[in-house]
Protein backbone atom coordinates (compact mmCIF):
# COMPACT_ATOMS: atom_id res chain seq x y z
CA UNK A 1 -33.56 40.18 68.34
CA UNK A 2 -31.86 42.00 65.52
CA UNK A 3 -31.91 39.79 62.96
CA UNK A 4 -28.66 40.77 61.64
CA UNK A 5 -26.57 39.21 64.45
CA UNK A 6 -26.38 36.37 62.47
CA UNK A 7 -23.72 38.12 60.05
CA UNK A 8 -21.70 38.46 63.08
CA UNK A 9 -21.50 34.63 64.05
CA UNK A 10 -24.37 34.65 66.41
CA UNK A 11 -27.16 32.46 64.01
CA UNK A 12 -28.68 30.71 67.24
CA UNK A 13 -29.17 32.73 69.97
CA UNK A 14 -32.60 33.08 71.87
CA UNK A 15 -34.00 36.20 73.14
CA UNK A 16 -32.63 35.25 76.76
CA UNK A 17 -29.13 34.73 75.81
CA UNK A 18 -28.94 37.77 73.03
CA UNK A 19 -30.23 39.69 76.52
CA UNK A 20 -27.04 38.61 77.86
CA UNK A 21 -25.11 39.29 75.20
CA UNK A 22 -25.97 42.63 75.99
CA UNK A 23 -25.14 42.87 79.33
CA UNK A 24 -22.13 41.50 78.76
CA UNK A 25 -21.11 43.48 76.66
CA UNK A 26 -22.59 46.66 78.53
CA UNK A 27 -20.59 45.16 81.75
CA UNK A 28 -17.47 44.22 79.75
CA UNK A 29 -16.99 46.87 77.10
CA UNK A 30 -13.96 47.30 74.70
CA UNK A 31 -15.21 50.79 74.13
CA UNK A 32 -16.79 53.30 75.45
CA UNK A 33 -18.47 56.70 74.59
CA UNK A 34 -19.87 58.99 76.57
CA UNK A 35 -21.56 62.91 76.17
CA UNK A 36 -23.82 65.45 77.87
CA UNK A 37 -27.35 65.64 76.03
CA UNK A 38 -28.35 67.56 78.82
CA UNK A 39 -28.42 68.93 82.44
CA UNK A 40 -30.02 65.46 83.72
CA UNK A 41 -28.86 63.03 80.89
CA UNK A 42 -25.62 61.82 79.76
CA UNK A 43 -25.81 59.46 76.25
CA UNK A 44 -23.63 55.81 76.34
CA UNK A 45 -22.42 53.58 74.07
CA UNK A 46 -20.60 50.03 74.71
CA UNK A 47 -18.98 47.92 72.16
CA UNK A 48 -17.44 44.62 72.63
CA UNK A 49 -16.20 42.54 69.65
CA UNK A 50 -17.02 39.04 69.69
CA UNK A 51 -14.95 38.26 66.46
CA UNK A 52 -12.09 40.49 64.56
CA UNK A 53 -13.66 43.47 63.58
CA UNK A 54 -17.51 42.86 64.77
CA UNK A 55 -19.22 42.87 67.41
CA UNK A 56 -22.25 44.41 69.13
CA UNK A 57 -22.64 47.69 70.85
CA UNK A 58 -25.59 48.77 73.35
CA UNK A 59 -26.99 52.42 73.55
CA UNK A 60 -28.43 54.26 76.31
CA UNK A 61 -28.68 56.73 78.95
CA UNK A 62 -27.64 57.51 82.37
CA UNK A 63 -29.69 59.27 84.65
CA UNK A 64 -29.50 61.96 87.30
CA UNK A 65 -28.46 58.80 90.01
CA UNK A 66 -25.82 57.11 87.64
CA UNK A 67 -27.97 54.35 86.32
CA UNK A 68 -28.15 53.15 83.22
CA UNK A 69 -30.85 52.44 80.73
CA UNK A 70 -30.27 50.84 77.83
CA UNK A 71 -32.43 51.67 74.62
CA UNK A 72 -31.17 49.43 71.74
CA UNK A 73 -28.32 47.42 70.62
CA UNK A 74 -27.09 46.58 66.96
CA UNK A 75 -24.26 44.33 65.76
CA UNK A 76 -21.91 46.33 63.83
CA UNK A 77 -18.55 45.57 62.10
CA UNK A 78 -15.65 47.98 61.13
CA UNK A 79 -14.59 48.83 58.19
CA UNK A 80 -11.52 49.52 56.91
CA UNK A 81 -10.47 52.25 54.35
CA UNK A 82 -12.87 55.62 53.45
CA UNK A 83 -15.01 55.32 51.16
CA UNK A 84 -16.15 58.53 50.35
CA UNK A 85 -15.23 62.25 51.06
CA UNK A 86 -18.58 63.84 50.20
CA UNK A 87 -20.29 65.84 52.96
CA UNK A 88 -22.47 64.15 55.29
CA UNK A 89 -25.54 64.61 56.92
CA UNK A 90 -27.56 63.74 59.82
CA UNK A 91 -30.96 63.07 60.72
CA UNK A 92 -32.36 61.20 64.10
CA UNK A 93 -34.78 58.25 63.46
CA UNK A 94 -38.34 58.64 64.74
CA UNK A 95 -38.13 55.36 66.65
CA UNK A 96 -35.37 55.68 68.96
CA UNK A 97 -32.15 57.74 69.77
CA UNK A 98 -30.32 56.38 66.97
CA UNK A 99 -29.01 58.69 63.24
CA UNK A 100 -29.67 58.05 59.80
CA UNK A 101 -26.22 59.34 57.39
CA UNK A 102 -26.87 60.44 54.18
CA UNK A 103 -24.43 60.83 51.55
CA UNK A 104 -24.64 62.29 48.17
CA UNK A 105 -21.93 60.71 46.55
CA UNK A 106 -22.06 61.59 42.71
CA UNK A 107 -20.50 57.98 41.62
CA UNK A 108 -23.40 56.69 42.48
CA UNK A 109 -26.31 58.74 41.26
CA UNK A 110 -28.28 58.43 44.58
CA UNK A 111 -28.48 59.65 48.14
CA UNK A 112 -26.81 57.11 50.21
CA UNK A 113 -28.63 56.63 53.51
CA UNK A 114 -26.76 54.59 55.64
CA UNK A 115 -27.50 53.27 59.98
CA UNK A 116 -24.86 55.64 61.79
CA UNK A 117 -22.55 53.72 64.00
CA UNK A 118 -20.49 56.42 66.25
CA UNK A 119 -23.02 58.45 67.11
CA UNK A 120 -21.58 60.19 70.33
CA UNK A 121 -19.37 62.51 68.30
CA UNK A 122 -22.33 63.40 66.29
CA UNK A 123 -24.18 64.62 69.52
CA UNK A 124 -21.26 66.30 71.49
CA UNK A 125 -20.86 68.36 67.81
CA UNK A 126 -24.65 69.30 67.98
CA UNK A 127 -24.50 69.98 71.75
CA UNK A 128 -21.10 72.54 71.50
CA UNK A 129 -22.57 74.04 68.34
CA UNK A 130 -19.70 72.95 65.77
CA UNK A 131 -22.36 71.54 63.41
CA UNK A 132 -21.83 71.82 60.61
CA UNK A 133 -18.43 70.22 59.84
CA UNK A 134 -16.74 70.57 56.97
CA UNK A 135 -13.80 68.26 56.27
CA UNK A 136 -15.67 64.80 56.79
CA UNK A 137 -14.91 61.69 55.21
CA UNK A 138 -17.23 57.90 55.54
CA UNK A 139 -16.80 54.62 55.88
CA UNK A 140 -19.23 51.97 55.47
CA UNK A 141 -19.65 48.86 56.12
CA UNK A 142 -22.41 46.05 55.27
CA UNK A 143 -23.58 42.98 56.87
CA UNK A 144 -26.03 40.67 55.37
CA UNK A 145 -28.05 37.47 55.95
CA UNK A 146 -27.88 35.52 52.14
CA UNK A 147 -25.94 36.51 49.19
CA UNK A 148 -24.19 34.24 46.47
CA UNK A 149 -21.03 34.05 44.45
CA UNK A 150 -20.97 35.40 40.68
CA UNK A 151 -18.96 34.60 37.96
CA UNK A 152 -16.69 37.82 36.82
CA UNK A 153 -17.49 39.01 33.34
CA UNK A 154 -14.70 39.38 31.02
CA UNK A 155 -14.05 42.97 30.72
CA UNK A 156 -10.47 43.17 30.52
CA UNK A 157 -10.61 44.96 27.24
CA UNK A 158 -12.93 47.66 28.57
CA UNK A 159 -11.38 48.44 31.36
CA UNK A 160 -9.73 51.70 30.29
CA UNK A 161 -12.70 52.73 28.12
CA UNK A 162 -14.95 52.24 31.52
CA UNK A 163 -13.22 54.61 33.51
CA UNK A 164 -12.84 57.23 31.05
CA UNK A 165 -16.74 56.60 31.10
CA UNK A 166 -16.92 56.45 34.87
CA UNK A 167 -15.24 59.76 34.76
CA UNK A 168 -16.98 61.81 32.45
CA UNK A 169 -21.05 60.41 33.84
CA UNK A 170 -19.36 61.99 37.19
CA UNK A 171 -18.53 65.65 36.14
CA UNK A 172 -22.16 65.38 34.19
CA UNK A 173 -23.61 64.22 37.29
CA UNK A 174 -21.97 66.71 38.79
CA UNK A 175 -23.39 69.72 36.86
CA UNK A 176 -26.92 67.95 36.63
CA UNK A 177 -26.85 68.57 40.35
CA UNK A 178 -26.04 72.21 40.67
CA UNK A 179 -29.18 72.47 37.70
CA UNK A 180 -27.60 72.80 34.15
CA UNK A 181 -29.60 71.52 31.66
CA UNK A 182 -27.66 70.65 29.01
CA UNK A 183 -25.62 67.88 31.91
CA UNK A 184 -29.27 66.82 32.59
CA UNK A 185 -30.05 66.22 29.04
CA UNK A 186 -27.17 64.35 28.20
CA UNK A 187 -27.60 62.05 31.38
CA UNK A 188 -31.40 61.25 30.08
CA UNK A 189 -30.27 60.50 26.27
CA UNK A 190 -27.79 58.22 27.93
CA UNK A 191 -30.56 56.56 30.14
CA UNK A 192 -32.06 55.98 27.40
CA UNK A 193 -29.54 54.08 25.27
CA UNK A 194 -28.79 51.92 27.85
CA UNK A 195 -32.23 50.90 28.18
CA UNK A 196 -32.85 50.15 24.56
CA UNK A 197 -28.83 48.48 24.36
CA UNK A 198 -30.08 46.46 27.69
CA UNK A 199 -33.39 45.59 26.06
CA UNK A 200 -31.87 44.03 23.09
CA UNK A 201 -29.55 42.02 24.64
CA UNK A 202 -31.54 40.77 27.57
CA UNK A 203 -33.52 38.84 25.23
CA UNK A 204 -30.36 36.18 24.54
CA UNK A 205 -28.33 36.81 27.71
CA UNK A 206 -28.49 36.13 30.68
CA UNK A 207 -28.84 39.46 33.43
CA UNK A 208 -25.70 39.22 35.31
CA UNK A 209 -23.75 38.70 32.22
CA UNK A 210 -25.03 42.26 31.44
CA UNK A 211 -25.37 43.76 34.67
CA UNK A 212 -21.52 44.22 36.31
CA UNK A 213 -21.99 45.79 39.49
CA UNK A 214 -25.06 47.78 41.32
CA UNK A 215 -26.42 49.66 44.26
CA UNK A 216 -30.28 49.98 44.45
CA UNK A 217 -32.39 50.56 47.73
CA UNK A 218 -34.40 47.67 48.67
CA UNK A 219 -37.56 46.95 50.53
CA UNK A 220 -39.02 49.57 52.31
CA UNK A 221 -35.65 50.28 54.82
CA UNK A 222 -34.20 52.70 53.94
CA UNK A 223 -30.55 51.67 54.62
CA UNK A 224 -30.95 48.55 53.12
CA UNK A 225 -29.98 47.59 49.50
CA UNK A 226 -29.38 44.95 47.38
CA UNK A 227 -25.93 45.23 45.71
CA UNK A 228 -23.45 43.36 43.01
CA UNK A 229 -19.84 44.59 43.33
CA UNK A 230 -16.63 43.13 42.50
CA UNK A 231 -14.62 41.23 45.23
CA UNK A 232 -11.12 42.50 45.90
CA UNK A 233 -10.36 40.95 49.05
CA UNK A 234 -11.51 38.80 51.56
CA UNK A 235 -10.88 36.97 54.85
CA UNK A 236 -12.44 34.28 57.24
CA UNK A 237 -12.88 35.19 60.74
CA UNK A 238 -14.17 32.99 63.46
CA UNK A 239 -16.77 34.10 66.58
CA UNK A 240 -15.20 33.38 69.80
CA UNK A 241 -18.14 33.10 71.26
CA UNK A 242 -19.67 30.43 68.94
CA UNK A 243 -17.37 29.16 66.58
CA UNK A 244 -19.14 29.93 63.75
CA UNK A 245 -17.52 31.08 60.63
CA UNK A 246 -18.02 34.78 58.98
CA UNK A 247 -16.72 36.17 55.81
CA UNK A 248 -15.31 40.13 55.63
CA UNK A 249 -15.38 40.40 51.73
CA UNK A 250 -14.27 44.13 50.62
CA UNK A 251 -16.65 44.94 47.65
CA UNK A 252 -16.26 47.67 44.93
CA UNK A 253 -19.31 48.49 43.90
CA UNK A 254 -20.41 51.84 41.85
CA UNK A 255 -16.57 52.79 42.52
CA UNK A 256 -17.62 52.42 46.38
CA UNK A 257 -15.61 50.04 48.02
CA UNK A 258 -16.69 48.70 51.77
CA UNK A 259 -16.90 45.59 53.34
CA UNK A 260 -19.54 43.45 53.92
CA UNK A 261 -19.32 40.95 56.80
CA UNK A 262 -21.96 37.59 56.05
CA UNK A 263 -21.99 34.00 58.44
CA UNK A 264 -20.55 31.42 55.93
CA UNK A 265 -23.80 29.29 56.28
CA UNK A 266 -25.56 32.04 54.67
CA UNK A 267 -23.17 32.58 51.46
CA UNK A 268 -24.02 30.49 48.36
CA UNK A 269 -20.97 29.48 46.55
CA UNK A 270 -16.72 30.18 47.12
CA UNK A 271 -15.79 33.83 47.32
CA UNK A 272 -12.71 35.20 45.31
CA UNK A 273 -10.57 37.54 44.25
CA UNK A 274 -12.18 38.44 41.08
CA UNK A 275 -15.40 37.11 41.61
CA UNK A 276 -18.45 39.01 42.22
CA UNK A 277 -20.58 39.16 45.45
CA UNK A 278 -24.88 39.72 44.99
CA UNK A 279 -26.97 40.03 48.12
CA UNK A 280 -29.04 42.11 50.37
CA UNK A 281 -26.76 44.24 52.94
CA UNK A 282 -27.67 46.95 55.83
CA UNK A 283 -25.44 49.44 55.07
CA UNK A 284 -23.44 51.00 58.16
CA UNK A 285 -21.12 54.25 58.52
CA UNK A 286 -18.60 55.94 60.43
CA UNK A 287 -18.03 59.44 60.09
CA UNK A 288 -14.69 60.60 60.19
CA UNK A 289 -14.39 63.56 61.91
CA UNK A 290 -10.94 66.05 61.69
CA UNK A 291 -9.16 65.56 64.86
CA UNK A 292 -8.64 68.85 65.20
CA UNK A 293 -12.49 69.35 65.90
CA UNK A 294 -13.64 66.69 68.49
């Protein structure tokens, strides 16, 4: 069973009930996608919502006899807006016919690896020789099974200075990415200064009063991240099958804005705009392709 099903309101389903849910998703899908993989195989995915903006996607293939074979399924959250306009690269997972996306956004400083939700357009572009496609963007979303709410840091006096620092750092990261040795040296010195400052403050202060937001890889799964981010919006939705309540939090983390879904029973604290969310998320992404190319 998929452990992140509880994030969309299925916290107490056994294996048989999950199998019935997946069959229901296939039979009564609200979104369908198809594309030819070769002369004998057609890839397909079926999605059905079970709460506002979230549900289950079942993926598999049709054989030459038009019989559908289920390969895997996953819970999803439809994100809002655009998270990044940086170019995306895609790689196939080794264990199944799913894909991972890689986004090198300079605002974070690391390669962000995410689970690709919309693989059908990518396979279609790949089979028709349209790759690589320029001018794409990506919308991130996350599912969490454990999180907590933190009080905000008072940063009103530092806001404008922080924005300028972020712009300067983004320029330095872009230059360092292109091999600028002076930019690399400057970033190294800044990191050393930051380390020294934190080492002094941590003796008398709590770490969460020093660290504003963070976006760090978590565990051995490449698409899971431990995050701390500001809550800029939130809403409460209900799974219409189980009546479980789910918070959808819009998080701003390291200048990236994306939505995170978490079951109300897994969230410690009450979310409010201005407070912070701390938790581990499974990062998903939807690549937005130009309409004229798809």
